[in-house]
Amino acid sequence: MQYWPAGELPTTEKVILAITYFYDTVPMDVDNIPKPISDALVGLVYVNDDQVTDVVCRKRDLNSDMRITNPSSVLAEGFSRGNEFLYIVVEGAPDQEVIS
């Protein structure tokens, strides 16, 4: 909630949810990550989690030799803290009639 623009109403459009879990020690299973996040965004980002048509979920080791290009200010802040963190992006869903 702290990074969501004040006064921004939840969308009623279909969305894609992209989650990256940056971990430092023992990672959790990637398949256990999306559901609680999707549920937590109801009423803040979207009206109902059935609007989520696509989910991309990744886990990345903070101790690896990652190369980050053009990070957003939020992503850069996550790295600067030096702890495990989640980076979540919600965007308009792709065309539901096209599979590529």
Protein backbone atom coordinates (compact mmCIF):
# COMPACT_ATOMS: atom_id res chain seq x y z
CA MET A 1 0.00 0.00 0.00
CA GLN A 2 2.85 2.36 0.72
CA TYR A 3 3.88 2.47 -2.95
CA TRP A 4 0.36 2.69 -4.41
CA PRO A 5 -0.60 6.24 -5.50
CA ALA A 6 -2.91 7.92 -2.98
CA GLY A 7 -6.49 8.12 -4.18
CA GLU A 8 -5.94 5.68 -7.05
CA LEU A 9 -9.04 3.51 -7.43
CA PRO A 10 -8.79 -0.23 -8.11
CA THR A 11 -9.01 -1.10 -11.79
CA THR A 12 -11.89 -3.08 -13.21
CA GLU A 13 -9.85 -4.17 -16.24
CA LYS A 14 -8.08 -7.50 -16.70
CA VAL A 15 -4.45 -7.49 -15.53
CA ILE A 16 -1.21 -9.43 -15.58
CA LEU A 17 0.62 -9.91 -12.29
CA ALA A 18 4.42 -10.17 -12.40
CA ILE A 19 6.17 -11.11 -9.15
CA THR A 20 9.89 -11.43 -8.53
CA TYR A 21 11.02 -12.77 -5.16
CA PHE A 22 14.60 -11.74 -4.40
CA TYR A 23 15.91 -14.01 -1.65
CA ASP A 24 19.09 -14.08 0.40
CA THR A 25 19.19 -17.51 2.03
CA VAL A 26 16.76 -20.40 1.63
CA PRO A 27 14.09 -19.58 -0.97
CA MET A 28 10.45 -20.53 -0.66
CA ASP A 29 8.87 -22.59 -3.43
CA VAL A 30 7.93 -20.30 -6.31
CA ASP A 31 4.48 -21.88 -6.65
CA ASN A 32 3.57 -20.76 -3.09
CA ILE A 33 4.17 -17.08 -3.79
CA PRO A 34 1.41 -15.78 -6.12
CA LYS A 35 -1.87 -16.65 -4.33
CA PRO A 36 -1.44 -14.64 -1.11
CA ILE A 37 -0.13 -11.66 -3.09
CA SER A 38 -2.99 -11.83 -5.58
CA ASP A 39 -5.49 -11.94 -2.70
CA ALA A 40 -3.78 -9.04 -0.87
CA LEU A 41 -4.10 -6.75 -3.91
CA VAL A 42 -7.91 -7.09 -4.04
CA GLY A 43 -9.53 -3.75 -3.28
CA LEU A 44 -6.25 -1.86 -3.70
CA VAL A 45 -5.05 -2.63 -7.22
CA TYR A 46 -8.04 -4.46 -8.70
CA VAL A 47 -11.61 -5.12 -7.63
CA ASN A 48 -11.44 -8.93 -7.70
CA ASP A 49 -8.59 -11.38 -8.22
CA ASP A 50 -10.52 -13.03 -11.05
CA GLN A 51 -9.31 -10.03 -13.12
CA VAL A 52 -5.81 -11.53 -13.05
CA THR A 53 -5.51 -13.37 -16.37
CA ASP A 54 -1.76 -14.03 -16.34
CA VAL A 55 0.82 -14.55 -13.60
CA VAL A 56 4.59 -14.53 -13.99
CA CYS A 57 6.44 -15.52 -10.84
CA ARG A 58 10.21 -15.68 -10.48
CA LYS A 59 12.70 -16.16 -7.68
CA ARG A 60 16.22 -14.75 -7.86
CA ASP A 61 19.17 -15.18 -5.50
CA LEU A 62 20.46 -11.83 -4.25
CA ASN A 63 23.92 -13.38 -3.94
CA SER A 64 24.15 -14.27 -7.63
CA ASP A 65 25.84 -12.18 -10.30
CA MET A 66 22.66 -10.48 -11.51
CA ARG A 67 22.66 -7.72 -14.07
CA ILE A 68 19.82 -5.24 -13.64
CA THR A 69 19.19 -2.80 -16.48
CA ASN A 70 17.09 0.34 -16.03
CA PRO A 71 15.60 -0.52 -12.62
CA SER A 72 12.56 1.41 -11.45
CA SER A 73 13.02 3.52 -8.33
CA VAL A 74 11.06 0.93 -6.33
CA LEU A 75 13.28 -1.94 -7.54
CA ALA A 76 16.43 0.09 -6.84
CA GLU A 77 15.16 0.79 -3.32
CA GLY A 78 14.58 -2.92 -2.76
CA PHE A 79 18.18 -3.69 -3.70
CA SER A 80 19.53 -0.84 -1.58
CA ARG A 81 17.98 -2.28 1.58
CA GLY A 82 20.05 -5.46 1.28
CA ASN A 83 17.25 -7.77 2.46
CA GLU A 84 14.94 -10.24 0.77
CA PHE A 85 12.07 -8.49 -0.97
CA LEU A 86 9.23 -8.88 -3.44
CA TYR A 87 8.99 -6.78 -6.57
CA ILE A 88 5.44 -6.74 -7.93
CA VAL A 89 4.27 -5.23 -11.22
CA VAL A 90 0.63 -5.10 -12.31
CA GLU A 91 -0.06 -4.18 -15.93
CA GLY A 92 -2.95 -4.35 -18.33
CA ALA A 93 -3.53 -7.91 -19.53
CA PRO A 94 -2.51 -8.95 -23.02
CA ASP A 95 -5.11 -9.51 -25.72
CA GLN A 96 -7.17 -12.47 -24.51
CA GLU A 97 -7.82 -13.59 -28.08
CA VAL A 98 -4.13 -14.05 -28.98
CA ILE A 99 -1.79 -16.72 -27.62
CA SER A 100 1.87 -16.30 -28.48
